Amino acid sequence: MYNIKINGQDELSLALEAGQINVGGKDLQWDIQALPNKSFSIIANNKSYVAFLENVDRVRKTMNLRIENSLYAIKIQEPIDLLLEQMGLDISKTQKVEPVKAPMPGLVLKVMVTEGQVIKKGDPVLILEAMKMENVFKASADATVKAIKIAEGQAVEKGEILIELA
């Protein structure tokens, strides 16, 4: 049994067995086939869908899944995660990720992430122009974008928090 949280709100229980899936207490007939380029063909209760896996974070057990022009941020909790949480040992809450701060005054040229987006270490998050040079800021760790505190075209000061990560 797994707990699935969708877009940070809807929480469902999920049980998988060959050809059968139970979501929130409802049994569904399903079939899934892998396609090229991180795509999947899904048939659930005689309806066909194509899903595209945009991002996977195996450490945080999160993924971004696009189904028919809708993007879903999904967090998966396995039985061991639930047990650790009940014992007050939730590992995901103990990992602290530092926010992206401006190392010098400058002008934000481009924000390359959105709130709720799951990013990997090294992913570009924004471009800051300072001293007539464009500086690309990259994620220092795997994280989820919690809040974007600035906008494109905005001037920022040294030490100002630009993007909060979780």
C-alpha atoms as a PDB file:
ATOM      1  CA  MET A   1       0.000   0.000   0.000  1.00  0.00           C
ATOM      2  CA  TYR A   2       1.337   3.409  -0.989  1.00  0.00           C
ATOM      3  CA  ASN A   3       0.150   6.930  -0.244  1.00  0.00           C
ATOM      4  CA  ILE A   4       0.177   9.263  -3.234  1.00  0.00           C
ATOM      5  CA  LYS A   5      -0.044  13.042  -2.935  1.00  0.00           C
ATOM      6  CA  ILE A   6      -0.975  14.895  -6.141  1.00  0.00           C
ATOM      7  CA  ASN A   7      -0.101  18.578  -6.592  1.00  0.00           C
ATOM      8  CA  GLY A   8       0.507  18.843  -2.857  1.00  0.00           C
ATOM      9  CA  GLN A   9      -3.205  18.456  -2.099  1.00  0.00           C
ATOM     10  CA  ASP A  10      -5.099  15.335  -3.123  1.00  0.00           C
ATOM     11  CA  GLU A  11      -3.946  12.330  -1.114  1.00  0.00           C
ATOM     12  CA  LEU A  12      -4.871   8.814  -2.184  1.00  0.00           C
ATOM     13  CA  SER A  13      -4.024   5.295  -1.107  1.00  0.00           C
ATOM     14  CA  LEU A  14      -2.736   3.074  -3.885  1.00  0.00           C
ATOM     15  CA  ALA A  15      -2.396  -0.713  -4.054  1.00  0.00           C
ATOM     16  CA  LEU A  16      -0.988  -2.412  -7.154  1.00  0.00           C
ATOM     17  CA  GLU A  17      -1.449  -5.975  -8.323  1.00  0.00           C
ATOM     18  CA  ALA A  18      -1.026  -7.469 -11.785  1.00  0.00           C
ATOM     19  CA  GLY A  19      -3.745  -5.960 -13.963  1.00  0.00           C
ATOM     20  CA  GLN A  20      -5.535  -4.428 -10.970  1.00  0.00           C
ATOM     21  CA  ILE A  21      -5.046  -1.124  -9.184  1.00  0.00           C
ATOM     22  CA  ASN A  22      -6.928   0.120  -6.148  1.00  0.00           C
ATOM     23  CA  VAL A  23      -6.985   3.917  -5.873  1.00  0.00           C
ATOM     24  CA  GLY A  24      -8.688   5.435  -2.855  1.00  0.00           C
ATOM     25  CA  GLY A  25     -10.671   2.255  -2.262  1.00  0.00           C
ATOM     26  CA  LYS A  26     -11.863   1.898  -5.882  1.00  0.00           C
ATOM     27  CA  ASP A  27     -10.712  -1.011  -8.046  1.00  0.00           C
ATOM     28  CA  LEU A  28      -9.623  -0.092 -11.576  1.00  0.00           C
ATOM     29  CA  GLN A  29      -8.648  -2.368 -14.439  1.00  0.00           C
ATOM     30  CA  TRP A  30      -5.433  -1.056 -15.951  1.00  0.00           C
ATOM     31  CA  ASP A  31      -2.576  -1.722 -18.322  1.00  0.00           C
ATOM     32  CA  ILE A  32       0.585   0.296 -18.843  1.00  0.00           C
ATOM     33  CA  GLN A  33       3.169   0.043 -21.615  1.00  0.00           C
ATOM     34  CA  ALA A  34       6.427   1.978 -21.847  1.00  0.00           C
ATOM     35  CA  LEU A  35       6.892   4.074 -24.989  1.00  0.00           C
ATOM     36  CA  PRO A  36      10.012   5.907 -26.218  1.00  0.00           C
ATOM     37  CA  ASN A  37      11.141   9.207 -24.640  1.00  0.00           C
ATOM     38  CA  LYS A  38       9.833   8.610 -21.104  1.00  0.00           C
ATOM     39  CA  SER A  39       6.269   8.202 -22.361  1.00  0.00           C
ATOM     40  CA  PHE A  40       3.725   5.600 -21.337  1.00  0.00           C
ATOM     41  CA  SER A  41       0.489   4.298 -22.788  1.00  0.00           C
ATOM     42  CA  ILE A  42      -2.033   3.792 -19.998  1.00  0.00           C
ATOM     43  CA  ILE A  43      -5.396   2.072 -20.289  1.00  0.00           C
ATOM     44  CA  ALA A  44      -7.557   2.455 -17.185  1.00  0.00           C
ATOM     45  CA  ASN A  45     -11.200   1.345 -17.111  1.00  0.00           C
ATOM     46  CA  ASN A  46     -11.278   1.135 -20.925  1.00  0.00           C
ATOM     47  CA  LYS A  47      -9.956   4.701 -21.394  1.00  0.00           C
ATOM     48  CA  SER A  48      -6.631   5.328 -23.089  1.00  0.00           C
ATOM     49  CA  TYR A  49      -4.107   7.965 -21.980  1.00  0.00           C
ATOM     50  CA  VAL A  50      -0.575   8.921 -22.959  1.00  0.00           C
ATOM     51  CA  ALA A  51       1.567  10.055 -20.042  1.00  0.00           C
ATOM     52  CA  PHE A  52       4.964  11.738 -20.226  1.00  0.00           C
ATOM     53  CA  LEU A  53       7.350  11.492 -17.298  1.00  0.00           C
ATOM     54  CA  GLU A  54       8.947  14.948 -17.109  1.00  0.00           C
ATOM     55  CA  ASN A  55      11.019  14.628 -13.953  1.00  0.00           C
ATOM     56  CA  VAL A  56      11.820  11.964 -11.358  1.00  0.00           C
ATOM     57  CA  ASP A  57      13.560  12.432  -8.009  1.00  0.00           C
ATOM     58  CA  ARG A  58      14.196   8.980  -6.587  1.00  0.00           C
ATOM     59  CA  VAL A  59      15.562  10.359  -3.299  1.00  0.00           C
ATOM     60  CA  ARG A  60      12.488  12.457  -2.501  1.00  0.00           C
ATOM     61  CA  LYS A  61      10.200   9.973  -4.291  1.00  0.00           C
ATOM     62  CA  THR A  62       8.605  12.656  -6.436  1.00  0.00           C
ATOM     63  CA  MET A  63       7.807  12.966 -10.115  1.00  0.00           C
ATOM     64  CA  ASN A  64       6.189  15.349 -12.557  1.00  0.00           C
ATOM     65  CA  LEU A  65       3.787  13.555 -14.883  1.00  0.00           C
ATOM     66  CA  ARG A  66       2.053  15.175 -17.854  1.00  0.00           C
ATOM     67  CA  ILE A  67      -1.223  13.592 -18.984  1.00  0.00           C
ATOM     68  CA  GLU A  68      -3.210  15.274 -21.774  1.00  0.00           C
ATOM     69  CA  ASN A  69      -1.824  18.812 -21.239  1.00  0.00           C
ATOM     70  CA  SER A  70      -2.190  18.613 -17.448  1.00  0.00           C
ATOM     71  CA  LEU A  71       0.908  18.496 -15.248  1.00  0.00           C
ATOM     72  CA  TYR A  72       0.770  16.528 -12.007  1.00  0.00           C
ATOM     73  CA  ALA A  73       3.386  16.797  -9.242  1.00  0.00           C
ATOM     74  CA  ILE A  74       3.283  13.427  -7.506  1.00  0.00           C
ATOM     75  CA  LYS A  75       4.852  12.414  -4.188  1.00  0.00           C
ATOM     76  CA  ILE A  76       4.924   8.737  -3.270  1.00  0.00           C
ATOM     77  CA  GLN A  77       5.112   7.376   0.277  1.00  0.00           C
ATOM     78  CA  GLU A  78       5.966   3.708   0.667  1.00  0.00           C
ATOM     79  CA  PRO A  79       5.023   1.728   3.788  1.00  0.00           C
ATOM     80  CA  ILE A  80       8.497   2.301   5.294  1.00  0.00           C
ATOM     81  CA  ASP A  81       8.127   6.075   4.782  1.00  0.00           C
ATOM     82  CA  LEU A  82       4.794   6.026   6.611  1.00  0.00           C
ATOM     83  CA  LEU A  83       6.285   4.032   9.486  1.00  0.00           C
ATOM     84  CA  LEU A  84       9.258   6.405   9.809  1.00  0.00           C
ATOM     85  CA  GLU A  85       6.894   9.387   9.762  1.00  0.00           C
ATOM     86  CA  GLN A  86       4.766   7.853  12.540  1.00  0.00           C
ATOM     87  CA  MET A  87       7.944   7.379  14.573  1.00  0.00           C
ATOM     88  CA  GLY A  88       8.929  11.017  14.025  1.00  0.00           C
ATOM     89  CA  LEU A  89      11.841  10.071  11.783  1.00  0.00           C
ATOM     90  CA  ASP A  90      10.698  11.618   8.503  1.00  0.00           C
ATOM     91  CA  ILE A  91      13.994  11.896   6.606  1.00  0.00           C
ATOM     92  CA  SER A  92      12.671  14.261   3.929  1.00  0.00           C
ATOM     93  CA  LYS A  93      11.954  16.909   6.572  1.00  0.00           C
ATOM     94  CA  THR A  94      15.434  16.721   8.071  1.00  0.00           C
ATOM     95  CA  GLN A  95      17.247  17.609   4.854  1.00  0.00           C
ATOM     96  CA  LYS A  96      17.787  21.370   4.673  1.00  0.00           C
ATOM     97  CA  VAL A  97      18.278  22.975   1.286  1.00  0.00           C
ATOM     98  CA  GLU A  98      19.656  26.505   1.204  1.00  0.00           C
ATOM     99  CA  PRO A  99      17.793  29.179  -0.782  1.00  0.00           C
ATOM    100  CA  VAL A 100      19.325  30.732  -3.899  1.00  0.00           C
ATOM    101  CA  LYS A 101      20.736  34.134  -2.878  1.00  0.00           C
ATOM    102  CA  ALA A 102      22.268  36.950  -4.922  1.00  0.00           C
ATOM    103  CA  PRO A 103      26.058  36.953  -4.357  1.00  0.00           C
ATOM    104  CA  MET A 104      26.221  40.521  -5.710  1.00  0.00           C
ATOM    105  CA  PRO A 105      23.862  43.287  -6.856  1.00  0.00           C
ATOM    106  CA  GLY A 106      22.437  42.698 -10.320  1.00  0.00           C
ATOM    107  CA  LEU A 107      19.453  42.449 -12.638  1.00  0.00           C
ATOM    108  CA  VAL A 108      17.383  39.269 -13.017  1.00  0.00           C
ATOM    109  CA  LEU A 109      17.334  38.479 -16.743  1.00  0.00           C
ATOM    110  CA  LYS A 110      15.500  35.161 -16.724  1.00  0.00           C
ATOM    111  CA  VAL A 111      13.830  32.848 -14.206  1.00  0.00           C
ATOM    112  CA  MET A 112      14.086  29.283 -15.507  1.00  0.00           C
ATOM    113  CA  VAL A 113      11.944  27.444 -12.921  1.00  0.00           C
ATOM    114  CA  THR A 114       8.382  27.568 -11.613  1.00  0.00           C
ATOM    115  CA  GLU A 115       6.997  27.133  -8.104  1.00  0.00           C
ATOM    116  CA  GLY A 116       6.445  23.464  -7.287  1.00  0.00           C
ATOM    117  CA  GLN A 117       8.943  22.300  -9.908  1.00  0.00           C
ATOM    118  CA  VAL A 118      11.263  19.465  -8.898  1.00  0.00           C
ATOM    119  CA  ILE A 119      14.871  20.282  -9.822  1.00  0.00           C
ATOM    120  CA  LYS A 120      18.111  18.327  -9.781  1.00  0.00           C
ATOM    121  CA  LYS A 121      21.539  19.419  -8.618  1.00  0.00           C
ATOM    122  CA  GLY A 122      23.122  21.412 -11.450  1.00  0.00           C
ATOM    123  CA  ASP A 123      19.845  22.422 -13.136  1.00  0.00           C
ATOM    124  CA  PRO A 124      19.882  26.107 -14.183  1.00  0.00           C
ATOM    125  CA  VAL A 125      17.393  28.148 -12.120  1.00  0.00           C
ATOM    126  CA  LEU A 126      17.981  31.772 -13.155  1.00  0.00           C
ATOM    127  CA  ILE A 127      20.236  34.200 -15.020  1.00  0.00           C
ATOM    128  CA  LEU A 128      21.497  37.293 -13.195  1.00  0.00           C
ATOM    129  CA  GLU A 129      23.305  40.115 -14.974  1.00  0.00           C
ATOM    130  CA  ALA A 130      26.008  41.633 -12.781  1.00  0.00           C
ATOM    131  CA  MET A 131      29.017  43.724 -13.783  1.00  0.00           C
ATOM    132  CA  LYS A 132      27.942  43.427 -17.460  1.00  0.00           C
ATOM    133  CA  MET A 133      28.193  39.631 -17.321  1.00  0.00           C
ATOM    134  CA  GLU A 134      25.424  37.040 -17.408  1.00  0.00           C
ATOM    135  CA  ASN A 135      25.684  34.608 -14.499  1.00  0.00           C
ATOM    136  CA  VAL A 136      23.734  31.341 -14.657  1.00  0.00           C
ATOM    137  CA  PHE A 137      22.707  30.112 -11.212  1.00  0.00           C
ATOM    138  CA  LYS A 138      22.380  26.353 -10.834  1.00  0.00           C
ATOM    139  CA  ALA A 139      20.692  24.272  -8.150  1.00  0.00           C
ATOM    140  CA  SER A 140      23.170  23.253  -5.455  1.00  0.00           C
ATOM    141  CA  ALA A 141      21.135  20.142  -4.558  1.00  0.00           C
ATOM    142  CA  ASP A 142      18.097  18.143  -5.607  1.00  0.00           C
ATOM    143  CA  ALA A 143      15.110  20.167  -4.412  1.00  0.00           C
ATOM    144  CA  THR A 144      11.602  21.453  -5.068  1.00  0.00           C
ATOM    145  CA  VAL A 145      11.070  25.137  -5.844  1.00  0.00           C
ATOM    146  CA  LYS A 146       9.098  26.426  -2.847  1.00  0.00           C
ATOM    147  CA  ALA A 147       8.821  30.117  -3.786  1.00  0.00           C
ATOM    148  CA  ILE A 148      10.172  32.539  -6.362  1.00  0.00           C
ATOM    149  CA  LYS A 149      10.828  35.845  -4.611  1.00  0.00           C
ATOM    150  CA  ILE A 150      11.848  37.871  -7.681  1.00  0.00           C
ATOM    151  CA  ALA A 151      10.658  38.609 -11.214  1.00  0.00           C
ATOM    152  CA  GLU A 152      12.443  38.983 -14.521  1.00  0.00           C
ATOM    153  CA  GLY A 153      13.749  42.529 -14.954  1.00  0.00           C
ATOM    154  CA  GLN A 154      13.962  43.127 -11.199  1.00  0.00           C
ATOM    155  CA  ALA A 155      17.104  44.615  -9.620  1.00  0.00           C
ATOM    156  CA  VAL A 156      18.392  42.667  -6.611  1.00  0.00           C
ATOM    157  CA  GLU A 157      20.874  43.377  -3.827  1.00  0.00           C
ATOM    158  CA  LYS A 158      23.702  41.236  -2.472  1.00  0.00           C
ATOM    159  CA  GLY A 159      22.403  38.539  -0.106  1.00  0.00           C
ATOM    160  CA  GLU A 160      18.776  38.890  -1.229  1.00  0.00           C
ATOM    161  CA  ILE A 161      16.849  35.602  -1.369  1.00  0.00           C
ATOM    162  CA  LEU A 162      15.876  34.958  -4.986  1.00  0.00           C
ATOM    163  CA  ILE A 163      14.395  31.450  -4.868  1.00  0.00           C
ATOM    164  CA  GLU A 164      13.374  29.357  -1.844  1.00  0.00           C
ATOM    165  CA  LEU A 165      13.903  25.615  -2.133  1.00  0.00           C
ATOM    166  CA  ALA A 166      12.541  22.709  -0.106  1.00  0.00           C
END
